[in-house]
Amino acid sequence: MENNLATYCPVCYASYEKEIGDCERCEYPFAGSEEEQSKHVAQHVLNKSHLEKTEKALKKCKLILLIIGGFLAIVAIFSAKNLYDPFTLVLNFLLAGAFLSSAFLLKKSPLLFSIFPLVLYLLIIFLNAIEDISSLFNGIIFKFFVISSLIYTISYSLKSEKIKKEHRYLSKETA
């Protein structure tokens, strides 16, 4: 009598009709030692945890970008009455649009839409400092928080991209 029981990978749950050496999907070592199997499972858990942390960082980054974009839009709207310089008004609306667009497109391309607002934010800080050097210290805690959050998101996104390339099955699980 033939055994019709399928073998399931304990990591990615791929099904196999016959015994194999390594899982074709996640490379789980069926024929490996218990230590090799444990290391593989532990690495899988670490990779999955990193991807989950990246998702949380992206949500936090999106919120920050929405706050900055919303603030710039509100400033542009309220200063439209008192501002006689159309260039500054248009610039504020463009900056607001750039931050808000980055927030909504962040999930689609995390690296691009976290690097772009970081560069834009640093540029704004730099240009304000040229006009008035004391502006560097105004809101320094907020500036530090925004910059560090964007850098944190970039670093997690870079590592997540590497994990997803090496372990394609993980990118399908987190999608």
Protein backbone atom coordinates (compact mmCIF):
# COMPACT_ATOMS: atom_id res chain seq x y z
CA MET A 1 0.00 0.00 0.00
CA GLU A 2 1.37 3.40 -1.03
CA ASN A 3 1.62 6.28 1.47
CA ASN A 4 -0.37 9.24 0.09
CA LEU A 5 0.37 11.61 2.98
CA ALA A 6 1.84 14.89 1.89
CA THR A 7 4.84 16.40 3.65
CA TYR A 8 4.46 20.00 4.76
CA CYS A 9 7.31 22.38 5.37
CA PRO A 10 7.13 23.62 8.99
CA VAL A 11 8.34 27.10 7.94
CA CYS A 12 6.50 28.08 4.76
CA TYR A 13 3.85 25.30 4.74
CA ALA A 14 4.64 24.23 1.18
CA SER A 15 3.23 20.78 0.39
CA TYR A 16 5.29 17.96 -1.11
CA GLU A 17 4.06 14.57 -2.31
CA LYS A 18 7.42 12.89 -1.82
CA GLU A 19 10.35 13.34 0.53
CA ILE A 20 12.87 15.95 -0.51
CA GLY A 21 16.19 17.18 0.90
CA ASP A 22 15.39 20.90 1.18
CA CYS A 23 12.17 22.82 0.76
CA GLU A 24 12.09 24.32 -2.71
CA ARG A 25 10.36 27.43 -1.44
CA CYS A 26 12.22 28.40 1.75
CA GLU A 27 15.14 25.94 1.75
CA TYR A 28 14.15 24.30 5.03
CA PRO A 29 16.61 21.40 5.50
CA PHE A 30 14.32 18.35 5.85
CA ALA A 31 17.38 16.06 5.73
CA GLY A 32 19.48 18.37 7.93
CA SER A 33 20.36 17.90 11.56
CA GLU A 34 18.07 19.13 14.30
CA GLU A 35 20.47 22.03 14.88
CA GLU A 36 20.35 23.06 11.19
CA GLN A 37 16.56 22.89 11.22
CA SER A 38 16.38 24.97 14.41
CA LYS A 39 18.75 27.59 12.99
CA HIS A 40 16.66 27.83 9.83
CA VAL A 41 13.43 28.29 11.81
CA ALA A 42 15.10 30.90 14.07
CA GLN A 43 16.38 32.84 11.04
CA HIS A 44 12.90 32.72 9.52
CA VAL A 45 11.39 34.14 12.72
CA LEU A 46 14.01 36.93 12.80
CA ASN A 47 13.41 37.82 9.15
CA LYS A 48 9.65 37.87 9.62
CA SER A 49 10.03 40.01 12.75
CA HIS A 50 12.19 42.48 10.83
CA LEU A 51 9.58 42.75 8.08
CA GLU A 52 6.89 43.42 10.68
CA LYS A 53 9.03 46.15 12.29
CA THR A 54 9.48 47.69 8.86
CA GLU A 55 5.70 47.81 8.43
CA LYS A 56 5.40 49.64 11.77
CA ALA A 57 8.18 52.06 10.78
CA LEU A 58 6.39 52.77 7.49
CA LYS A 59 3.15 53.55 9.34
CA LYS A 60 5.00 55.91 11.68
CA CYS A 61 6.77 57.56 8.75
CA LYS A 62 3.47 57.97 6.91
CA LEU A 63 1.97 59.71 9.94
CA ILE A 64 4.95 62.07 10.19
CA LEU A 65 4.74 62.93 6.49
CA LEU A 66 0.98 63.55 6.80
CA ILE A 67 1.57 65.85 9.76
CA ILE A 68 4.26 67.85 7.94
CA GLY A 69 2.24 68.01 4.72
CA GLY A 70 -0.93 68.94 6.59
CA PHE A 71 0.88 71.61 8.57
CA LEU A 72 2.36 73.12 5.38
CA ALA A 73 -1.06 73.07 3.71
CA ILE A 74 -2.70 74.79 6.68
CA VAL A 75 0.06 77.41 6.82
CA ALA A 76 -0.35 78.04 3.08
CA ILE A 77 -4.14 78.36 3.36
CA PHE A 78 -4.09 80.72 6.34
CA SER A 79 -1.21 82.79 5.05
CA ALA A 80 -2.82 83.16 1.60
CA LYS A 81 -4.81 86.14 2.88
CA ASN A 82 -1.79 87.92 4.34
CA LEU A 83 0.86 86.86 1.86
CA TYR A 84 1.48 89.13 -1.03
CA ASP A 85 4.29 86.98 -2.42
CA PRO A 86 2.72 84.41 -4.80
CA PHE A 87 6.03 82.52 -5.06
CA THR A 88 6.03 81.70 -1.33
CA LEU A 89 2.38 80.71 -1.45
CA VAL A 90 2.88 78.36 -4.41
CA LEU A 91 6.04 76.96 -2.80
CA ASN A 92 4.17 76.13 0.42
CA PHE A 93 1.44 74.33 -1.54
CA LEU A 94 4.03 72.42 -3.59
CA LEU A 95 5.90 71.36 -0.45
CA ALA A 96 2.65 70.29 1.19
CA GLY A 97 1.77 68.29 -1.91
CA ALA A 98 5.21 66.66 -1.99
CA PHE A 99 5.00 65.52 1.65
CA LEU A 100 1.38 64.36 1.35
CA SER A 101 2.10 62.50 -1.90
CA SER A 102 5.11 60.83 -0.32
CA ALA A 103 2.94 59.71 2.59
CA PHE A 104 0.41 58.06 0.30
CA LEU A 105 3.03 56.51 -2.00
CA LEU A 106 5.31 55.31 0.81
CA LYS A 107 3.98 51.75 0.81
CA LYS A 108 4.48 51.46 -2.96
CA SER A 109 8.17 52.42 -2.89
CA PRO A 110 9.43 52.80 0.70
CA LEU A 111 12.99 53.79 -0.16
CA LEU A 112 12.14 56.44 -2.72
CA PHE A 113 9.32 58.00 -0.72
CA SER A 114 11.30 58.12 2.51
CA ILE A 115 14.54 59.41 0.96
CA PHE A 116 12.76 62.11 -1.08
CA PRO A 117 11.03 63.76 1.91
CA LEU A 118 14.21 63.46 4.00
CA VAL A 119 16.21 65.35 1.38
CA LEU A 120 13.38 67.86 0.99
CA TYR A 121 13.13 68.38 4.76
CA LEU A 122 16.90 68.86 5.08
CA LEU A 123 16.80 71.30 2.19
CA ILE A 124 14.07 73.33 3.89
CA ILE A 125 16.10 73.41 7.12
CA PHE A 126 19.23 74.45 5.20
CA LEU A 127 17.49 77.22 3.24
CA ASN A 128 15.85 78.57 6.39
CA ALA A 129 19.27 78.56 8.11
CA ILE A 130 20.75 80.61 5.27
CA GLU A 131 18.07 83.22 5.83
CA ASP A 132 18.24 83.06 9.64
CA ILE A 133 20.83 80.88 11.39
CA SER A 134 18.81 80.81 14.61
CA SER A 135 16.09 78.86 12.77
CA LEU A 136 18.33 75.79 13.08
CA PHE A 137 17.55 75.66 16.78
CA ASN A 138 13.83 76.42 16.55
CA GLY A 139 11.95 73.17 17.00
CA ILE A 140 15.17 71.18 17.25
CA ILE A 141 13.49 68.25 19.02
CA PHE A 142 10.83 67.98 16.32
CA LYS A 143 13.46 68.25 13.59
CA PHE A 144 15.56 65.53 15.23
CA PHE A 145 12.48 63.30 15.60
CA VAL A 146 11.49 63.71 11.94
CA ILE A 147 15.00 63.17 10.59
CA SER A 148 15.72 60.16 12.79
CA SER A 149 12.36 58.59 11.94
CA LEU A 150 12.98 58.97 8.21
CA ILE A 151 16.50 57.52 8.53
CA TYR A 152 15.14 54.65 10.63
CA THR A 153 12.55 53.90 7.95
CA ILE A 154 15.19 54.00 5.24
CA SER A 155 17.50 51.60 7.08
CA TYR A 156 14.69 49.13 7.82
CA SER A 157 13.45 49.35 4.25
CA LEU A 158 16.92 48.57 2.89
CA LYS A 159 17.27 45.47 5.05
CA SER A 160 13.71 44.38 4.26
CA GLU A 161 14.38 44.62 0.53
CA LYS A 162 17.44 42.39 1.00
CA ILE A 163 15.41 39.86 3.01
CA LYS A 164 12.63 39.83 0.41
CA LYS A 165 15.14 39.23 -2.40
CA GLU A 166 16.79 36.37 -0.54
CA HIS A 167 13.54 34.83 0.68
CA ARG A 168 10.89 35.51 -1.95
CA TYR A 169 8.24 33.53 -0.06
CA LEU A 170 8.39 36.09 2.78
CA SER A 171 7.48 38.97 0.47
CA LYS A 172 4.31 37.08 -0.51
CA GLU A 173 3.43 36.44 3.15
CA THR A 174 3.75 40.11 4.12
CA ALA A 175 2.13 41.54 0.99
